[in-house]
N, C-alpha and C. Protein backbone atom coordinates (compact mmCIF):
# COMPACT_ATOMS: atom_id res chain seq x y z
N UNK A 1 -8.17 27.58 -9.22
CA UNK A 1 -8.16 26.34 -9.97
C UNK A 1 -9.07 26.50 -11.19
N UNK A 2 -8.56 26.14 -12.33
CA UNK A 2 -9.32 26.20 -13.56
C UNK A 2 -9.90 24.82 -13.86
N UNK A 3 -11.17 24.79 -14.15
CA UNK A 3 -11.85 23.53 -14.47
C UNK A 3 -12.00 23.40 -15.98
N UNK A 4 -11.98 22.19 -16.48
CA UNK A 4 -12.23 21.90 -17.88
C UNK A 4 -13.55 21.15 -17.93
N UNK A 5 -14.48 21.64 -18.71
CA UNK A 5 -15.80 21.03 -18.81
C UNK A 5 -15.76 19.80 -19.71
N UNK A 6 -16.40 18.74 -19.28
CA UNK A 6 -16.50 17.49 -20.04
C UNK A 6 -17.98 17.16 -20.23
N UNK A 7 -18.25 16.40 -21.26
CA UNK A 7 -19.61 15.90 -21.45
C UNK A 7 -19.92 14.83 -20.42
N UNK A 8 -21.15 14.37 -20.39
CA UNK A 8 -21.52 13.32 -19.44
C UNK A 8 -20.66 12.08 -19.63
N UNK A 9 -20.15 11.57 -18.54
CA UNK A 9 -19.33 10.36 -18.57
C UNK A 9 -19.34 9.74 -17.18
N UNK A 10 -18.81 8.54 -17.07
CA UNK A 10 -18.66 7.91 -15.77
C UNK A 10 -17.33 8.38 -15.19
N UNK A 11 -17.38 9.23 -14.21
CA UNK A 11 -16.16 9.81 -13.65
C UNK A 11 -16.11 9.67 -12.14
N UNK A 12 -16.66 8.60 -11.64
CA UNK A 12 -16.60 8.32 -10.22
C UNK A 12 -15.42 7.38 -9.99
N UNK A 13 -14.38 7.87 -9.37
CA UNK A 13 -13.16 7.09 -9.20
C UNK A 13 -12.79 6.97 -7.73
N UNK A 14 -12.10 5.93 -7.33
CA UNK A 14 -11.85 4.69 -8.07
C UNK A 14 -13.06 3.77 -7.99
N UNK A 15 -13.08 2.78 -8.84
CA UNK A 15 -14.13 1.75 -8.83
C UNK A 15 -13.53 0.47 -8.26
N UNK A 16 -14.28 -0.23 -7.41
CA UNK A 16 -13.75 -1.52 -6.94
C UNK A 16 -13.73 -2.51 -8.10
N UNK A 17 -12.75 -3.38 -8.11
CA UNK A 17 -12.71 -4.46 -9.09
C UNK A 17 -13.19 -5.71 -8.38
N UNK A 18 -14.19 -6.36 -8.98
CA UNK A 18 -14.74 -7.58 -8.38
C UNK A 18 -14.81 -8.68 -9.44
N UNK A 19 -14.76 -9.90 -8.96
CA UNK A 19 -15.01 -11.07 -9.79
C UNK A 19 -16.36 -11.62 -9.34
N UNK A 20 -17.34 -11.56 -10.21
CA UNK A 20 -18.67 -12.05 -9.87
C UNK A 20 -18.82 -13.47 -10.40
N UNK A 21 -19.09 -14.40 -9.50
CA UNK A 21 -19.37 -15.77 -9.93
C UNK A 21 -20.88 -15.94 -10.02
N UNK A 22 -21.28 -16.70 -11.04
CA UNK A 22 -22.71 -16.90 -11.32
C UNK A 22 -22.89 -18.22 -12.03
N UNK A 23 -24.11 -18.70 -12.07
CA UNK A 23 -24.39 -19.97 -12.73
C UNK A 23 -24.05 -21.14 -11.83
N UNK A 24 -24.50 -22.31 -12.25
CA UNK A 24 -24.34 -23.52 -11.43
C UNK A 24 -23.64 -24.62 -12.21
N UNK A 25 -22.99 -25.50 -11.48
CA UNK A 25 -22.37 -26.69 -12.06
C UNK A 25 -21.39 -26.37 -13.17
N UNK A 26 -21.52 -27.08 -14.28
CA UNK A 26 -20.61 -26.88 -15.40
C UNK A 26 -20.87 -25.56 -16.12
N UNK A 27 -21.99 -24.89 -15.81
CA UNK A 27 -22.31 -23.60 -16.42
C UNK A 27 -21.83 -22.43 -15.56
N UNK A 28 -21.20 -22.71 -14.44
CA UNK A 28 -20.71 -21.63 -13.57
C UNK A 28 -19.72 -20.77 -14.35
N UNK A 29 -19.78 -19.47 -14.12
CA UNK A 29 -18.93 -18.53 -14.86
C UNK A 29 -18.42 -17.46 -13.90
N UNK A 30 -17.46 -16.70 -14.41
CA UNK A 30 -16.88 -15.57 -13.67
C UNK A 30 -16.83 -14.38 -14.61
N UNK A 31 -17.24 -13.21 -14.12
CA UNK A 31 -17.14 -11.98 -14.90
C UNK A 31 -16.43 -10.92 -14.04
N UNK A 32 -15.49 -10.22 -14.66
CA UNK A 32 -14.82 -9.11 -13.99
C UNK A 32 -15.67 -7.86 -14.17
N UNK A 33 -15.90 -7.15 -13.08
CA UNK A 33 -16.69 -5.92 -13.13
C UNK A 33 -16.03 -4.81 -12.32
N UNK A 34 -16.17 -3.59 -12.81
CA UNK A 34 -15.81 -2.42 -12.03
C UNK A 34 -17.07 -1.61 -11.69
N UNK A 35 -18.19 -1.99 -12.29
CA UNK A 35 -19.46 -1.34 -11.97
C UNK A 35 -20.11 -2.11 -10.82
N UNK A 36 -19.63 -1.86 -9.62
CA UNK A 36 -20.14 -2.54 -8.43
C UNK A 36 -20.09 -1.59 -7.25
N UNK A 37 -21.06 -1.68 -6.40
CA UNK A 37 -21.02 -0.81 -5.23
C UNK A 37 -22.06 -1.17 -4.19
N UNK A 38 -21.82 -0.68 -2.99
CA UNK A 38 -22.75 -0.82 -1.89
C UNK A 38 -23.87 0.20 -2.08
N UNK A 39 -25.11 -0.23 -1.99
CA UNK A 39 -26.24 0.65 -2.23
C UNK A 39 -27.10 0.88 -1.00
N UNK A 40 -27.04 -0.03 -0.05
CA UNK A 40 -27.88 0.08 1.14
C UNK A 40 -27.23 -0.72 2.26
N UNK A 41 -27.37 -0.24 3.49
CA UNK A 41 -26.78 -0.96 4.61
C UNK A 41 -27.78 -1.84 5.35
N UNK A 42 -29.08 -1.52 5.27
CA UNK A 42 -30.07 -2.31 5.97
C UNK A 42 -31.33 -2.45 5.13
N UNK A 43 -31.50 -3.55 4.40
CA UNK A 43 -30.63 -4.73 4.39
C UNK A 43 -29.39 -4.48 3.54
N UNK A 44 -28.28 -5.13 3.87
CA UNK A 44 -27.08 -4.94 3.07
C UNK A 44 -27.36 -5.28 1.60
N UNK A 45 -27.15 -4.30 0.72
CA UNK A 45 -27.48 -4.47 -0.69
C UNK A 45 -26.34 -3.99 -1.56
N UNK A 46 -26.00 -4.80 -2.56
CA UNK A 46 -24.95 -4.48 -3.51
C UNK A 46 -25.59 -4.36 -4.89
N UNK A 47 -25.07 -3.46 -5.69
CA UNK A 47 -25.50 -3.35 -7.07
C UNK A 47 -24.34 -3.64 -8.00
N UNK A 48 -24.62 -4.40 -9.06
CA UNK A 48 -23.61 -4.65 -10.09
C UNK A 48 -24.23 -4.33 -11.44
N UNK A 49 -23.46 -3.68 -12.30
CA UNK A 49 -23.92 -3.35 -13.64
C UNK A 49 -23.36 -4.33 -14.65
N UNK A 50 -24.26 -4.97 -15.41
CA UNK A 50 -23.85 -5.98 -16.39
C UNK A 50 -24.60 -5.72 -17.70
N UNK A 51 -23.86 -5.72 -18.79
CA UNK A 51 -24.49 -5.57 -20.11
C UNK A 51 -25.34 -6.80 -20.41
N UNK A 52 -26.54 -6.61 -20.95
CA UNK A 52 -27.39 -7.75 -21.30
C UNK A 52 -26.75 -8.72 -22.29
N UNK A 53 -25.80 -8.27 -23.09
CA UNK A 53 -25.15 -9.15 -24.06
C UNK A 53 -24.13 -10.10 -23.43
N UNK A 54 -23.76 -9.87 -22.19
CA UNK A 54 -22.75 -10.71 -21.54
C UNK A 54 -23.33 -12.06 -21.15
N UNK A 55 -22.51 -13.06 -21.25
CA UNK A 55 -22.89 -14.44 -20.89
C UNK A 55 -23.39 -14.51 -19.45
N UNK A 56 -22.75 -13.81 -18.54
CA UNK A 56 -23.11 -13.85 -17.12
C UNK A 56 -24.48 -13.24 -16.84
N UNK A 57 -24.91 -12.31 -17.66
CA UNK A 57 -26.20 -11.64 -17.46
C UNK A 57 -27.33 -12.67 -17.36
N UNK A 58 -27.40 -13.57 -18.33
CA UNK A 58 -28.44 -14.59 -18.34
C UNK A 58 -28.33 -15.57 -17.18
N UNK A 59 -27.09 -15.89 -16.78
CA UNK A 59 -26.88 -16.81 -15.67
C UNK A 59 -27.37 -16.22 -14.36
N UNK A 60 -27.13 -14.93 -14.16
CA UNK A 60 -27.60 -14.27 -12.93
C UNK A 60 -29.13 -14.25 -12.90
N UNK A 61 -29.74 -13.91 -14.03
CA UNK A 61 -31.20 -13.89 -14.10
C UNK A 61 -31.79 -15.28 -13.86
N UNK A 62 -31.18 -16.28 -14.47
CA UNK A 62 -31.70 -17.65 -14.39
C UNK A 62 -31.66 -18.20 -12.97
N UNK A 63 -30.54 -18.01 -12.28
CA UNK A 63 -30.35 -18.61 -10.96
C UNK A 63 -30.88 -17.70 -9.84
N UNK A 64 -30.82 -16.38 -10.04
CA UNK A 64 -31.29 -15.46 -9.01
C UNK A 64 -30.32 -15.28 -7.86
N UNK A 65 -29.07 -15.66 -8.08
CA UNK A 65 -28.02 -15.51 -7.08
C UNK A 65 -26.71 -15.18 -7.78
N UNK A 66 -25.81 -14.54 -7.04
CA UNK A 66 -24.46 -14.30 -7.52
C UNK A 66 -23.57 -14.08 -6.32
N UNK A 67 -22.27 -14.21 -6.54
CA UNK A 67 -21.30 -13.96 -5.47
C UNK A 67 -20.34 -12.89 -5.95
N UNK A 68 -20.17 -11.85 -5.13
CA UNK A 68 -19.19 -10.81 -5.42
C UNK A 68 -17.93 -11.21 -4.67
N UNK A 69 -16.92 -11.62 -5.44
CA UNK A 69 -15.64 -12.07 -4.89
C UNK A 69 -14.65 -10.92 -5.02
N UNK A 70 -14.01 -10.54 -3.92
CA UNK A 70 -13.04 -9.45 -3.95
C UNK A 70 -11.64 -10.02 -4.08
N UNK A 71 -11.02 -9.84 -5.25
CA UNK A 71 -9.69 -10.39 -5.49
C UNK A 71 -8.60 -9.52 -4.85
N UNK A 72 -7.45 -10.12 -4.67
CA UNK A 72 -6.29 -9.37 -4.15
C UNK A 72 -5.35 -9.02 -5.30
N UNK A 73 -4.41 -8.15 -5.01
CA UNK A 73 -3.49 -7.64 -6.03
C UNK A 73 -2.71 -8.75 -6.72
N UNK A 74 -2.39 -9.82 -6.01
CA UNK A 74 -1.63 -10.90 -6.65
C UNK A 74 -2.46 -11.71 -7.63
N UNK A 75 -3.76 -11.42 -7.74
CA UNK A 75 -4.62 -12.10 -8.69
C UNK A 75 -4.96 -11.22 -9.89
N UNK A 76 -4.29 -10.08 -10.04
CA UNK A 76 -4.65 -9.11 -11.08
C UNK A 76 -4.57 -9.70 -12.49
N UNK A 77 -3.64 -10.59 -12.73
CA UNK A 77 -3.54 -11.21 -14.06
C UNK A 77 -4.83 -11.95 -14.39
N UNK A 78 -5.35 -12.71 -13.42
CA UNK A 78 -6.56 -13.49 -13.64
C UNK A 78 -7.79 -12.60 -13.68
N UNK A 79 -7.77 -11.53 -12.92
CA UNK A 79 -8.86 -10.54 -12.97
C UNK A 79 -8.97 -9.99 -14.39
N UNK A 80 -7.84 -9.60 -14.94
CA UNK A 80 -7.84 -9.07 -16.31
C UNK A 80 -8.28 -10.14 -17.31
N UNK A 81 -7.78 -11.34 -17.14
CA UNK A 81 -8.14 -12.43 -18.04
C UNK A 81 -9.66 -12.66 -18.04
N UNK A 82 -10.25 -12.72 -16.86
CA UNK A 82 -11.70 -12.97 -16.75
C UNK A 82 -12.52 -11.82 -17.33
N UNK A 83 -11.91 -10.65 -17.49
CA UNK A 83 -12.60 -9.51 -18.07
C UNK A 83 -12.37 -9.35 -19.56
N UNK A 84 -11.55 -10.23 -20.15
CA UNK A 84 -11.25 -10.08 -21.57
C UNK A 84 -11.64 -11.29 -22.41
N UNK A 85 -12.09 -12.36 -21.77
CA UNK A 85 -12.59 -13.53 -22.51
C UNK A 85 -14.02 -13.81 -22.07
N UNK A 86 -14.78 -14.48 -22.91
CA UNK A 86 -16.16 -14.81 -22.60
C UNK A 86 -16.28 -16.22 -22.07
N UNK A 87 -17.14 -16.38 -21.09
CA UNK A 87 -17.45 -17.70 -20.56
C UNK A 87 -18.17 -18.58 -21.58
N UNK A 88 -18.64 -17.98 -22.66
CA UNK A 88 -19.22 -18.79 -23.75
C UNK A 88 -18.14 -19.60 -24.46
N UNK A 89 -16.90 -19.07 -24.43
CA UNK A 89 -15.79 -19.66 -25.18
C UNK A 89 -14.76 -20.39 -24.32
N UNK A 90 -14.77 -20.14 -23.03
CA UNK A 90 -13.72 -20.70 -22.16
C UNK A 90 -14.25 -20.93 -20.76
N UNK A 91 -13.78 -21.99 -20.14
CA UNK A 91 -14.05 -22.23 -18.73
C UNK A 91 -13.04 -21.40 -17.94
N UNK A 92 -13.47 -20.26 -17.43
CA UNK A 92 -12.55 -19.36 -16.73
C UNK A 92 -12.08 -19.94 -15.40
N UNK A 93 -12.90 -20.77 -14.78
CA UNK A 93 -12.49 -21.43 -13.54
C UNK A 93 -11.23 -22.26 -13.79
N UNK A 94 -11.25 -23.05 -14.84
CA UNK A 94 -10.12 -23.92 -15.17
C UNK A 94 -8.92 -23.09 -15.64
N UNK A 95 -9.18 -22.09 -16.49
CA UNK A 95 -8.09 -21.27 -17.02
C UNK A 95 -7.32 -20.56 -15.92
N UNK A 96 -8.02 -20.15 -14.87
CA UNK A 96 -7.39 -19.40 -13.77
C UNK A 96 -7.03 -20.29 -12.60
N UNK A 97 -7.35 -21.56 -12.69
CA UNK A 97 -7.11 -22.53 -11.63
C UNK A 97 -7.79 -22.08 -10.33
N UNK A 98 -9.00 -21.53 -10.47
CA UNK A 98 -9.80 -21.13 -9.31
C UNK A 98 -10.60 -22.33 -8.81
N UNK A 99 -10.74 -22.41 -7.51
CA UNK A 99 -11.52 -23.51 -6.93
C UNK A 99 -12.93 -23.06 -6.59
N UNK A 100 -13.90 -23.94 -6.88
CA UNK A 100 -15.30 -23.75 -6.51
C UNK A 100 -15.41 -24.05 -5.02
N UNK A 101 -15.90 -23.11 -4.26
CA UNK A 101 -16.12 -23.33 -2.83
C UNK A 101 -17.60 -23.10 -2.57
N UNK A 102 -18.19 -23.99 -1.80
CA UNK A 102 -19.61 -23.86 -1.48
C UNK A 102 -19.83 -22.70 -0.52
N UNK A 103 -20.88 -21.94 -0.79
CA UNK A 103 -21.27 -20.88 0.11
C UNK A 103 -22.13 -21.44 1.23
N UNK A 104 -22.49 -20.58 2.15
CA UNK A 104 -23.35 -21.02 3.25
C UNK A 104 -24.82 -20.76 2.95
N UNK A 105 -25.11 -19.82 2.01
CA UNK A 105 -26.49 -19.43 1.75
C UNK A 105 -26.90 -19.49 0.28
N UNK A 106 -25.94 -19.57 -0.64
CA UNK A 106 -26.27 -19.60 -2.06
C UNK A 106 -25.71 -20.86 -2.70
N UNK A 107 -26.29 -21.21 -3.84
CA UNK A 107 -25.82 -22.38 -4.59
C UNK A 107 -24.66 -22.05 -5.51
N UNK A 108 -24.55 -20.78 -5.91
CA UNK A 108 -23.49 -20.34 -6.81
C UNK A 108 -22.14 -20.49 -6.10
N UNK A 109 -21.11 -21.00 -6.78
CA UNK A 109 -19.83 -21.19 -6.12
C UNK A 109 -19.09 -19.88 -5.83
N UNK A 110 -18.41 -19.88 -4.70
CA UNK A 110 -17.49 -18.80 -4.34
C UNK A 110 -16.14 -19.12 -4.97
N UNK A 111 -15.33 -18.10 -5.22
CA UNK A 111 -13.95 -18.32 -5.68
C UNK A 111 -13.09 -18.45 -4.43
N UNK A 112 -12.61 -19.66 -4.19
CA UNK A 112 -11.87 -19.95 -2.96
C UNK A 112 -10.63 -19.11 -2.77
N UNK A 113 -9.99 -18.71 -3.86
CA UNK A 113 -8.73 -17.96 -3.78
C UNK A 113 -8.93 -16.47 -3.47
N UNK A 114 -10.13 -15.95 -3.56
CA UNK A 114 -10.37 -14.54 -3.25
C UNK A 114 -10.51 -14.37 -1.74
N UNK A 115 -9.92 -13.35 -1.16
CA UNK A 115 -9.94 -13.19 0.30
C UNK A 115 -11.31 -12.86 0.88
N UNK A 116 -12.21 -12.31 0.07
CA UNK A 116 -13.54 -11.94 0.57
C UNK A 116 -14.58 -12.35 -0.46
N UNK A 117 -15.67 -12.93 0.03
CA UNK A 117 -16.77 -13.38 -0.83
C UNK A 117 -18.08 -12.92 -0.23
N UNK A 118 -18.90 -12.25 -1.05
CA UNK A 118 -20.20 -11.75 -0.60
C UNK A 118 -21.28 -12.53 -1.33
N UNK A 119 -22.01 -13.35 -0.61
CA UNK A 119 -23.07 -14.15 -1.19
C UNK A 119 -24.32 -13.28 -1.32
N UNK A 120 -24.87 -13.21 -2.53
CA UNK A 120 -25.99 -12.30 -2.80
C UNK A 120 -27.17 -13.02 -3.42
N UNK A 121 -28.35 -12.60 -3.01
CA UNK A 121 -29.59 -13.07 -3.63
C UNK A 121 -30.17 -11.91 -4.42
N UNK A 122 -30.45 -12.14 -5.70
CA UNK A 122 -31.00 -11.12 -6.58
C UNK A 122 -32.39 -10.72 -6.11
N UNK A 123 -32.60 -9.41 -5.91
CA UNK A 123 -33.92 -8.93 -5.46
C UNK A 123 -34.59 -8.05 -6.49
N UNK A 124 -33.80 -7.47 -7.40
CA UNK A 124 -34.40 -6.60 -8.42
C UNK A 124 -33.41 -6.39 -9.55
N UNK A 125 -33.95 -6.20 -10.74
CA UNK A 125 -33.15 -5.86 -11.91
C UNK A 125 -33.73 -4.58 -12.49
N UNK A 126 -32.85 -3.60 -12.71
CA UNK A 126 -33.27 -2.32 -13.27
C UNK A 126 -32.53 -2.10 -14.58
N UNK A 127 -33.27 -1.93 -15.66
CA UNK A 127 -32.66 -1.66 -16.96
C UNK A 127 -32.31 -0.18 -17.02
N UNK A 128 -31.03 0.12 -17.24
CA UNK A 128 -30.56 1.51 -17.20
C UNK A 128 -30.17 2.07 -18.56
N UNK A 129 -29.98 1.23 -19.54
CA UNK A 129 -29.48 1.64 -20.85
C UNK A 129 -28.51 0.58 -21.32
N UNK A 130 -27.21 0.92 -21.39
CA UNK A 130 -26.22 -0.06 -21.85
C UNK A 130 -26.05 -1.21 -20.86
N UNK A 131 -26.39 -0.99 -19.60
CA UNK A 131 -26.24 -2.01 -18.56
C UNK A 131 -27.55 -2.20 -17.80
N UNK A 132 -27.71 -3.39 -17.25
CA UNK A 132 -28.77 -3.65 -16.28
C UNK A 132 -28.13 -3.65 -14.91
N UNK A 133 -28.83 -3.07 -13.95
CA UNK A 133 -28.37 -3.04 -12.57
C UNK A 133 -29.02 -4.19 -11.83
N UNK A 134 -28.20 -5.13 -11.37
CA UNK A 134 -28.68 -6.23 -10.55
C UNK A 134 -28.50 -5.83 -9.09
N UNK A 135 -29.59 -5.80 -8.35
CA UNK A 135 -29.55 -5.49 -6.93
C UNK A 135 -29.61 -6.79 -6.15
N UNK A 136 -28.63 -7.00 -5.31
CA UNK A 136 -28.57 -8.23 -4.53
C UNK A 136 -28.44 -7.96 -3.06
N UNK A 137 -29.27 -8.64 -2.27
CA UNK A 137 -29.10 -8.58 -0.82
C UNK A 137 -27.92 -9.46 -0.45
N UNK A 138 -27.02 -8.93 0.36
CA UNK A 138 -25.89 -9.71 0.86
C UNK A 138 -26.42 -10.56 2.01
N UNK A 139 -26.41 -11.87 1.82
CA UNK A 139 -26.99 -12.75 2.83
C UNK A 139 -25.94 -13.54 3.61
N UNK A 140 -24.69 -13.47 3.17
CA UNK A 140 -23.58 -14.09 3.91
C UNK A 140 -22.27 -13.52 3.38
N UNK A 141 -21.27 -13.44 4.24
CA UNK A 141 -19.94 -12.95 3.87
C UNK A 141 -18.91 -13.94 4.39
N UNK A 142 -17.96 -14.28 3.53
CA UNK A 142 -16.85 -15.16 3.91
C UNK A 142 -15.56 -14.35 3.80
N UNK A 143 -14.69 -14.43 4.82
CA UNK A 143 -13.40 -13.72 4.78
C UNK A 143 -12.29 -14.68 5.23
N UNK A 144 -11.18 -14.65 4.50
CA UNK A 144 -10.02 -15.44 4.90
C UNK A 144 -9.49 -14.90 6.22
N UNK A 145 -9.11 -15.79 7.10
CA UNK A 145 -8.57 -15.38 8.40
C UNK A 145 -7.34 -14.49 8.26
N UNK A 146 -6.56 -14.70 7.18
CA UNK A 146 -5.31 -13.95 6.99
C UNK A 146 -5.55 -12.44 6.79
N UNK A 147 -6.76 -12.03 6.41
CA UNK A 147 -7.02 -10.60 6.17
C UNK A 147 -7.73 -9.93 7.34
N UNK A 148 -7.86 -10.67 8.44
CA UNK A 148 -8.55 -10.12 9.61
C UNK A 148 -7.57 -9.63 10.66
N UNK A 149 -8.00 -8.60 11.38
CA UNK A 149 -7.18 -8.11 12.50
C UNK A 149 -7.50 -8.92 13.75
N UNK A 150 -6.89 -8.54 14.87
CA UNK A 150 -7.06 -9.29 16.12
C UNK A 150 -8.50 -9.34 16.59
N UNK A 151 -9.29 -8.33 16.22
CA UNK A 151 -10.68 -8.27 16.65
C UNK A 151 -11.65 -8.91 15.66
N UNK A 152 -11.13 -9.48 14.59
CA UNK A 152 -11.96 -10.14 13.59
C UNK A 152 -12.47 -9.23 12.50
N UNK A 153 -12.00 -7.97 12.47
CA UNK A 153 -12.38 -7.04 11.42
C UNK A 153 -11.41 -7.10 10.24
N UNK A 154 -11.86 -6.60 9.11
CA UNK A 154 -11.01 -6.59 7.91
C UNK A 154 -9.84 -5.64 8.10
N UNK A 155 -8.63 -6.13 7.86
CA UNK A 155 -7.43 -5.30 7.86
C UNK A 155 -7.10 -5.07 6.38
N UNK A 156 -7.56 -3.94 5.84
CA UNK A 156 -7.52 -3.67 4.40
C UNK A 156 -6.14 -3.86 3.79
N UNK A 157 -5.05 -3.36 4.38
CA UNK A 157 -3.74 -3.58 3.73
C UNK A 157 -3.40 -5.06 3.53
N UNK A 158 -3.84 -5.91 4.41
CA UNK A 158 -3.56 -7.34 4.26
C UNK A 158 -4.31 -7.93 3.06
N UNK A 159 -5.51 -7.42 2.78
CA UNK A 159 -6.32 -7.95 1.69
C UNK A 159 -5.80 -7.51 0.32
N UNK A 160 -5.14 -6.35 0.25
CA UNK A 160 -4.59 -5.81 -1.00
C UNK A 160 -5.63 -5.82 -2.12
N UNK A 161 -6.79 -5.25 -1.83
CA UNK A 161 -7.89 -5.22 -2.78
C UNK A 161 -7.59 -4.31 -3.96
N UNK A 162 -8.31 -4.53 -5.05
CA UNK A 162 -8.06 -3.83 -6.31
C UNK A 162 -9.09 -2.74 -6.59
N UNK A 163 -8.64 -1.73 -7.33
CA UNK A 163 -9.53 -0.71 -7.88
C UNK A 163 -9.21 -0.57 -9.36
N UNK A 164 -10.10 0.14 -10.06
CA UNK A 164 -9.94 0.35 -11.50
C UNK A 164 -10.11 1.84 -11.77
N UNK A 165 -9.10 2.46 -12.38
CA UNK A 165 -9.14 3.89 -12.69
C UNK A 165 -8.52 4.11 -14.07
N UNK A 166 -9.26 4.75 -14.96
CA UNK A 166 -8.75 5.09 -16.29
C UNK A 166 -8.08 3.93 -17.01
N UNK A 167 -8.69 2.77 -16.97
CA UNK A 167 -8.16 1.61 -17.69
C UNK A 167 -7.04 0.88 -16.98
N UNK A 168 -6.73 1.26 -15.73
CA UNK A 168 -5.65 0.60 -15.00
C UNK A 168 -6.12 -0.01 -13.70
N UNK A 169 -5.52 -1.15 -13.34
CA UNK A 169 -5.78 -1.81 -12.07
C UNK A 169 -4.82 -1.25 -11.04
N UNK A 170 -5.35 -0.91 -9.87
CA UNK A 170 -4.51 -0.32 -8.83
C UNK A 170 -4.88 -0.85 -7.45
N UNK A 171 -3.90 -0.81 -6.59
CA UNK A 171 -4.18 -0.89 -5.17
C UNK A 171 -4.06 0.57 -4.75
N UNK A 172 -3.81 0.85 -3.53
CA UNK A 172 -3.69 2.24 -3.13
C UNK A 172 -2.43 2.83 -3.76
N UNK A 173 -2.62 3.56 -4.87
CA UNK A 173 -1.53 4.26 -5.54
C UNK A 173 -0.60 3.44 -6.40
N UNK A 174 -0.74 2.13 -6.43
CA UNK A 174 0.19 1.29 -7.17
C UNK A 174 -0.47 0.72 -8.43
N UNK A 175 0.07 1.06 -9.60
CA UNK A 175 -0.44 0.52 -10.85
C UNK A 175 0.04 -0.92 -11.02
N UNK A 176 -0.91 -1.82 -11.25
CA UNK A 176 -0.58 -3.24 -11.37
C UNK A 176 -0.63 -3.76 -12.79
N UNK A 177 -1.29 -3.03 -13.66
CA UNK A 177 -1.41 -3.45 -15.05
C UNK A 177 -2.52 -2.68 -15.71
N UNK A 178 -2.54 -2.70 -17.02
CA UNK A 178 -3.60 -2.04 -17.80
C UNK A 178 -4.49 -3.09 -18.44
N UNK A 179 -5.72 -2.73 -18.65
CA UNK A 179 -6.68 -3.65 -19.25
C UNK A 179 -6.09 -4.29 -20.51
N UNK A 180 -6.13 -5.60 -20.55
CA UNK A 180 -5.63 -6.33 -21.69
C UNK A 180 -4.19 -6.78 -21.59
N UNK A 181 -3.48 -6.41 -20.51
CA UNK A 181 -2.05 -6.73 -20.42
C UNK A 181 -1.77 -8.22 -20.33
N UNK A 182 -2.77 -9.00 -19.96
CA UNK A 182 -2.53 -10.43 -19.76
C UNK A 182 -2.38 -11.19 -21.08
N UNK A 183 -2.65 -10.50 -22.20
CA UNK A 183 -2.48 -11.14 -23.49
C UNK A 183 -3.48 -12.28 -23.72
N UNK A 184 -4.68 -12.10 -23.21
CA UNK A 184 -5.71 -13.13 -23.37
C UNK A 184 -5.97 -13.41 -24.83
N UNK A 185 -6.35 -14.65 -25.10
CA UNK A 185 -6.66 -15.07 -26.46
C UNK A 185 -7.80 -14.29 -27.03
């Protein structure tokens, strides 16, 4: 096998696609991210990378909480939309017809239509360069009954979760659209 050398880049594939809800009340916002991952199991900790220039960055810092909502493949249009418009200019909740659902441990709203919601409390912010890494302890998880197996565990094919690879949204092997396909304003 012949390898081709590349300069430094982000080449960890696939990346999960998440909708992060942040902010409170009429200032609540949603940001689409592919820079998200599990960082620790005890305590359960998630990291999300957000550019300081993004509207959601300040909301996460201000409130100290966020929710990582895992969308399903049938929501890919709205996932793309939330990643191509700013919450400074549009109420993404209304545009996507997403419902605010109260969490059990955080004040930030969960996206009711997403099959999985991870309620997180911000524990640390690390400035990395173009992005800040927000570290959040997962303090509660909500899952739709429809994505659970008989034993109450996640049945991944039922959830139809999204990944992001080379500018495209995918489930396992299925291309669902390319960044910007929703024709957002």
